[in-house]
Amino acid sequence: LELVKWDGEYYGVSTIWLRWADRDGNLIPTQRELKEEAIVYANEAIAKSNEKIEQIINNLKAIGMNSEQISEITGVPIEDLKP
């Protein structure tokens, strides 16, 4: 672990800061950076889940299930199912 100079913005102030880095020079993320990364990861996971649910709904429609059955199986409200 070492301190390195970092030119960047932190809490709205742009300057040269001291940042913690590992021995390879990789910056240790700040709490804010970790939070932003977690939000991006969560949004990507939600998008993938929604795509999978939509594919499941389409597959169930293709085998002839009606909206009520699909809603019961998937937990998606009937009004949210595309016609």
N, C-alpha and C. Protein backbone atom coordinates (compact mmCIF):
# COMPACT_ATOMS: atom_id res chain seq x y z
N LEU A 1 0.86 -1.18 0.00
CA LEU A 1 0.00 0.00 0.00
C LEU A 1 0.90 1.23 0.00
N GLU A 2 0.56 2.19 -0.87
CA GLU A 2 1.36 3.41 -0.95
C GLU A 2 0.47 4.60 -1.28
N LEU A 3 0.99 5.79 -1.01
CA LEU A 3 0.30 7.01 -1.39
C LEU A 3 0.87 7.49 -2.72
N VAL A 4 -0.04 7.86 -3.64
CA VAL A 4 0.39 8.36 -4.95
C VAL A 4 -0.33 9.68 -5.22
N LYS A 5 0.25 10.49 -6.09
CA LYS A 5 -0.42 11.71 -6.52
C LYS A 5 -1.47 11.36 -7.56
N TRP A 6 -2.62 12.00 -7.42
CA TRP A 6 -3.74 11.74 -8.35
C TRP A 6 -4.35 13.07 -8.72
N ASP A 7 -4.45 13.33 -10.01
CA ASP A 7 -5.06 14.55 -10.51
C ASP A 7 -6.51 14.24 -10.83
N GLY A 8 -7.42 14.75 -10.02
CA GLY A 8 -8.82 14.44 -10.25
C GLY A 8 -9.73 15.29 -9.40
N GLU A 9 -11.01 14.92 -9.44
CA GLU A 9 -12.04 15.65 -8.71
C GLU A 9 -12.54 14.82 -7.55
N TYR A 10 -12.65 15.44 -6.41
CA TYR A 10 -13.16 14.79 -5.21
C TYR A 10 -14.05 15.78 -4.49
N TYR A 11 -15.32 15.42 -4.32
CA TYR A 11 -16.33 16.29 -3.70
C TYR A 11 -16.34 17.67 -4.35
N GLY A 12 -16.28 17.67 -5.68
CA GLY A 12 -16.41 18.90 -6.44
C GLY A 12 -15.15 19.75 -6.53
N VAL A 13 -14.05 19.29 -5.96
CA VAL A 13 -12.80 20.05 -6.00
C VAL A 13 -11.80 19.33 -6.90
N SER A 14 -11.37 20.01 -7.97
CA SER A 14 -10.40 19.44 -8.89
C SER A 14 -9.01 19.95 -8.53
N THR A 15 -8.11 19.03 -8.23
CA THR A 15 -6.74 19.38 -7.88
C THR A 15 -5.91 18.10 -7.89
N ILE A 16 -4.69 18.20 -7.43
CA ILE A 16 -3.86 17.00 -7.26
C ILE A 16 -4.04 16.54 -5.82
N TRP A 17 -4.45 15.30 -5.68
CA TRP A 17 -4.74 14.71 -4.38
C TRP A 17 -3.74 13.59 -4.09
N LEU A 18 -3.64 13.21 -2.84
CA LEU A 18 -2.95 11.98 -2.47
C LEU A 18 -4.00 10.89 -2.37
N ARG A 19 -3.71 9.77 -3.01
CA ARG A 19 -4.64 8.64 -3.00
C ARG A 19 -3.89 7.38 -2.62
N TRP A 20 -4.59 6.46 -1.99
CA TRP A 20 -4.01 5.16 -1.70
C TRP A 20 -4.01 4.32 -2.97
N ALA A 21 -2.94 3.56 -3.15
CA ALA A 21 -2.82 2.66 -4.30
C ALA A 21 -2.14 1.38 -3.83
N ASP A 22 -2.36 0.32 -4.62
CA ASP A 22 -1.65 -0.93 -4.29
C ASP A 22 -0.23 -0.85 -4.84
N ARG A 23 0.54 -1.90 -4.63
CA ARG A 23 1.95 -1.86 -5.04
C ARG A 23 2.13 -1.78 -6.55
N ASP A 24 1.08 -2.12 -7.31
CA ASP A 24 1.15 -2.02 -8.77
C ASP A 24 0.70 -0.64 -9.27
N GLY A 25 0.33 0.25 -8.36
CA GLY A 25 -0.10 1.59 -8.73
C GLY A 25 -1.58 1.72 -9.01
N ASN A 26 -2.35 0.66 -8.78
CA ASN A 26 -3.80 0.71 -8.98
C ASN A 26 -4.45 1.45 -7.82
N LEU A 27 -5.22 2.48 -8.14
CA LEU A 27 -5.87 3.26 -7.10
C LEU A 27 -6.86 2.43 -6.30
N ILE A 28 -6.88 2.65 -4.99
CA ILE A 28 -7.89 2.03 -4.14
C ILE A 28 -9.14 2.91 -4.29
N PRO A 29 -10.27 2.33 -4.69
CA PRO A 29 -11.46 3.15 -4.93
C PRO A 29 -11.95 3.85 -3.66
N THR A 30 -12.46 5.05 -3.85
CA THR A 30 -13.08 5.77 -2.74
C THR A 30 -14.46 5.18 -2.49
N GLN A 31 -15.05 5.55 -1.38
CA GLN A 31 -16.40 5.08 -1.06
C GLN A 31 -17.38 5.51 -2.15
N ARG A 32 -17.23 6.72 -2.63
CA ARG A 32 -18.11 7.23 -3.69
C ARG A 32 -17.94 6.42 -4.97
N GLU A 33 -16.70 6.10 -5.34
CA GLU A 33 -16.44 5.31 -6.55
C GLU A 33 -17.03 3.91 -6.42
N LEU A 34 -16.90 3.33 -5.23
CA LEU A 34 -17.48 2.00 -5.00
C LEU A 34 -19.00 2.04 -5.12
N LYS A 35 -19.61 3.10 -4.59
CA LYS A 35 -21.06 3.26 -4.67
C LYS A 35 -21.51 3.39 -6.12
N GLU A 36 -20.81 4.24 -6.89
CA GLU A 36 -21.16 4.42 -8.30
C GLU A 36 -21.02 3.12 -9.08
N GLU A 37 -19.96 2.37 -8.79
CA GLU A 37 -19.75 1.09 -9.46
C GLU A 37 -20.86 0.10 -9.10
N ALA A 38 -21.28 0.10 -7.84
CA ALA A 38 -22.35 -0.80 -7.41
C ALA A 38 -23.67 -0.45 -8.08
N ILE A 39 -23.93 0.84 -8.27
CA ILE A 39 -25.16 1.27 -8.93
C ILE A 39 -25.17 0.81 -10.38
N VAL A 40 -24.04 0.98 -11.07
CA VAL A 40 -23.93 0.54 -12.46
C VAL A 40 -24.15 -0.97 -12.54
N TYR A 41 -23.51 -1.73 -11.64
CA TYR A 41 -23.65 -3.18 -11.64
C TYR A 41 -25.11 -3.58 -11.39
N ALA A 42 -25.75 -2.94 -10.43
CA ALA A 42 -27.15 -3.26 -10.11
C ALA A 42 -28.07 -2.96 -11.29
N ASN A 43 -27.86 -1.82 -11.94
CA ASN A 43 -28.68 -1.47 -13.10
C ASN A 43 -28.50 -2.46 -14.24
N GLU A 44 -27.27 -2.92 -14.46
CA GLU A 44 -27.02 -3.92 -15.50
C GLU A 44 -27.70 -5.24 -15.14
N ALA A 45 -27.64 -5.62 -13.88
CA ALA A 45 -28.28 -6.86 -13.44
C ALA A 45 -29.80 -6.78 -13.60
N ILE A 46 -30.37 -5.64 -13.28
CA ILE A 46 -31.82 -5.45 -13.43
C ILE A 46 -32.21 -5.54 -14.90
N ALA A 47 -31.43 -4.90 -15.76
CA ALA A 47 -31.72 -4.93 -17.20
C ALA A 47 -31.67 -6.36 -17.73
N LYS A 48 -30.66 -7.12 -17.31
CA LYS A 48 -30.55 -8.52 -17.76
C LYS A 48 -31.73 -9.35 -17.25
N SER A 49 -32.12 -9.11 -16.00
CA SER A 49 -33.26 -9.84 -15.44
C SER A 49 -34.54 -9.52 -16.20
N ASN A 50 -34.73 -8.26 -16.52
CA ASN A 50 -35.93 -7.86 -17.28
C ASN A 50 -35.95 -8.50 -18.66
N GLU A 51 -34.77 -8.57 -19.30
CA GLU A 51 -34.69 -9.22 -20.61
C GLU A 51 -35.05 -10.70 -20.50
N LYS A 52 -34.57 -11.36 -19.46
CA LYS A 52 -34.87 -12.78 -19.27
C LYS A 52 -36.36 -12.99 -19.01
N ILE A 53 -36.94 -12.14 -18.18
CA ILE A 53 -38.38 -12.26 -17.90
C ILE A 53 -39.18 -12.05 -19.18
N GLU A 54 -38.78 -11.07 -19.98
CA GLU A 54 -39.48 -10.83 -21.23
C GLU A 54 -39.38 -12.03 -22.17
N GLN A 55 -38.22 -12.67 -22.21
CA GLN A 55 -38.05 -13.86 -23.05
C GLN A 55 -38.91 -15.02 -22.53
N ILE A 56 -38.98 -15.17 -21.23
CA ILE A 56 -39.82 -16.22 -20.64
C ILE A 56 -41.28 -15.97 -21.00
N ILE A 57 -41.71 -14.72 -20.87
CA ILE A 57 -43.10 -14.37 -21.21
C ILE A 57 -43.38 -14.69 -22.67
N ASN A 58 -42.46 -14.32 -23.55
CA ASN A 58 -42.65 -14.61 -24.98
C ASN A 58 -42.71 -16.12 -25.24
N ASN A 59 -41.89 -16.89 -24.55
CA ASN A 59 -41.90 -18.34 -24.71
C ASN A 59 -43.22 -18.94 -24.22
N LEU A 60 -43.72 -18.41 -23.11
CA LEU A 60 -45.00 -18.92 -22.58
C LEU A 60 -46.16 -18.57 -23.52
N LYS A 61 -46.11 -17.37 -24.10
CA LYS A 61 -47.14 -17.00 -25.07
C LYS A 61 -47.06 -17.90 -26.29
N ALA A 62 -45.85 -18.24 -26.70
CA ALA A 62 -45.66 -19.08 -27.89
C ALA A 62 -46.23 -20.48 -27.71
N ILE A 63 -46.29 -20.95 -26.47
CA ILE A 63 -46.87 -22.30 -26.26
C ILE A 63 -48.35 -22.22 -25.93
N GLY A 64 -48.92 -21.00 -26.01
CA GLY A 64 -50.36 -20.87 -25.90
C GLY A 64 -50.90 -20.49 -24.53
N MET A 65 -50.06 -20.08 -23.60
CA MET A 65 -50.57 -19.68 -22.29
C MET A 65 -51.24 -18.31 -22.40
N ASN A 66 -52.30 -18.13 -21.59
CA ASN A 66 -52.98 -16.85 -21.58
C ASN A 66 -52.35 -15.92 -20.53
N SER A 67 -52.79 -14.67 -20.54
CA SER A 67 -52.19 -13.65 -19.67
C SER A 67 -52.30 -14.00 -18.19
N GLU A 68 -53.43 -14.55 -17.79
CA GLU A 68 -53.62 -14.90 -16.38
C GLU A 68 -52.61 -15.96 -15.94
N GLN A 69 -52.43 -16.97 -16.78
CA GLN A 69 -51.47 -18.03 -16.46
C GLN A 69 -50.04 -17.47 -16.40
N ILE A 70 -49.71 -16.65 -17.38
CA ILE A 70 -48.36 -16.07 -17.42
C ILE A 70 -48.12 -15.18 -16.21
N SER A 71 -49.13 -14.40 -15.84
CA SER A 71 -49.01 -13.53 -14.68
C SER A 71 -48.77 -14.35 -13.41
N GLU A 72 -49.50 -15.44 -13.28
CA GLU A 72 -49.37 -16.29 -12.09
C GLU A 72 -47.98 -16.93 -12.02
N ILE A 73 -47.47 -17.38 -13.15
CA ILE A 73 -46.16 -18.05 -13.19
C ILE A 73 -45.02 -17.07 -12.96
N THR A 74 -45.09 -15.91 -13.60
CA THR A 74 -43.97 -14.97 -13.57
C THR A 74 -44.05 -13.93 -12.46
N GLY A 75 -45.26 -13.70 -11.95
CA GLY A 75 -45.43 -12.65 -10.95
C GLY A 75 -45.57 -11.27 -11.57
N VAL A 76 -45.61 -11.21 -12.89
CA VAL A 76 -45.78 -9.94 -13.59
C VAL A 76 -47.27 -9.62 -13.64
N PRO A 77 -47.67 -8.43 -13.18
CA PRO A 77 -49.09 -8.09 -13.22
C PRO A 77 -49.63 -8.16 -14.66
N ILE A 78 -50.88 -8.58 -14.78
CA ILE A 78 -51.50 -8.73 -16.10
C ILE A 78 -51.42 -7.45 -16.90
N GLU A 79 -51.65 -6.31 -16.24
CA GLU A 79 -51.62 -5.05 -16.97
C GLU A 79 -50.23 -4.69 -17.52
N ASP A 80 -49.19 -5.34 -16.99
CA ASP A 80 -47.82 -5.08 -17.50
C ASP A 80 -47.42 -6.01 -18.63
N LEU A 81 -48.28 -7.02 -18.91
CA LEU A 81 -47.96 -7.95 -20.01
C LEU A 81 -48.33 -7.31 -21.35
N LYS A 82 -47.40 -7.34 -22.26
CA LYS A 82 -47.67 -6.78 -23.59
C LYS A 82 -48.62 -7.69 -24.33
N PRO A 83 -49.56 -7.10 -25.09
CA PRO A 83 -50.51 -7.95 -25.83
C PRO A 83 -49.84 -8.76 -26.93
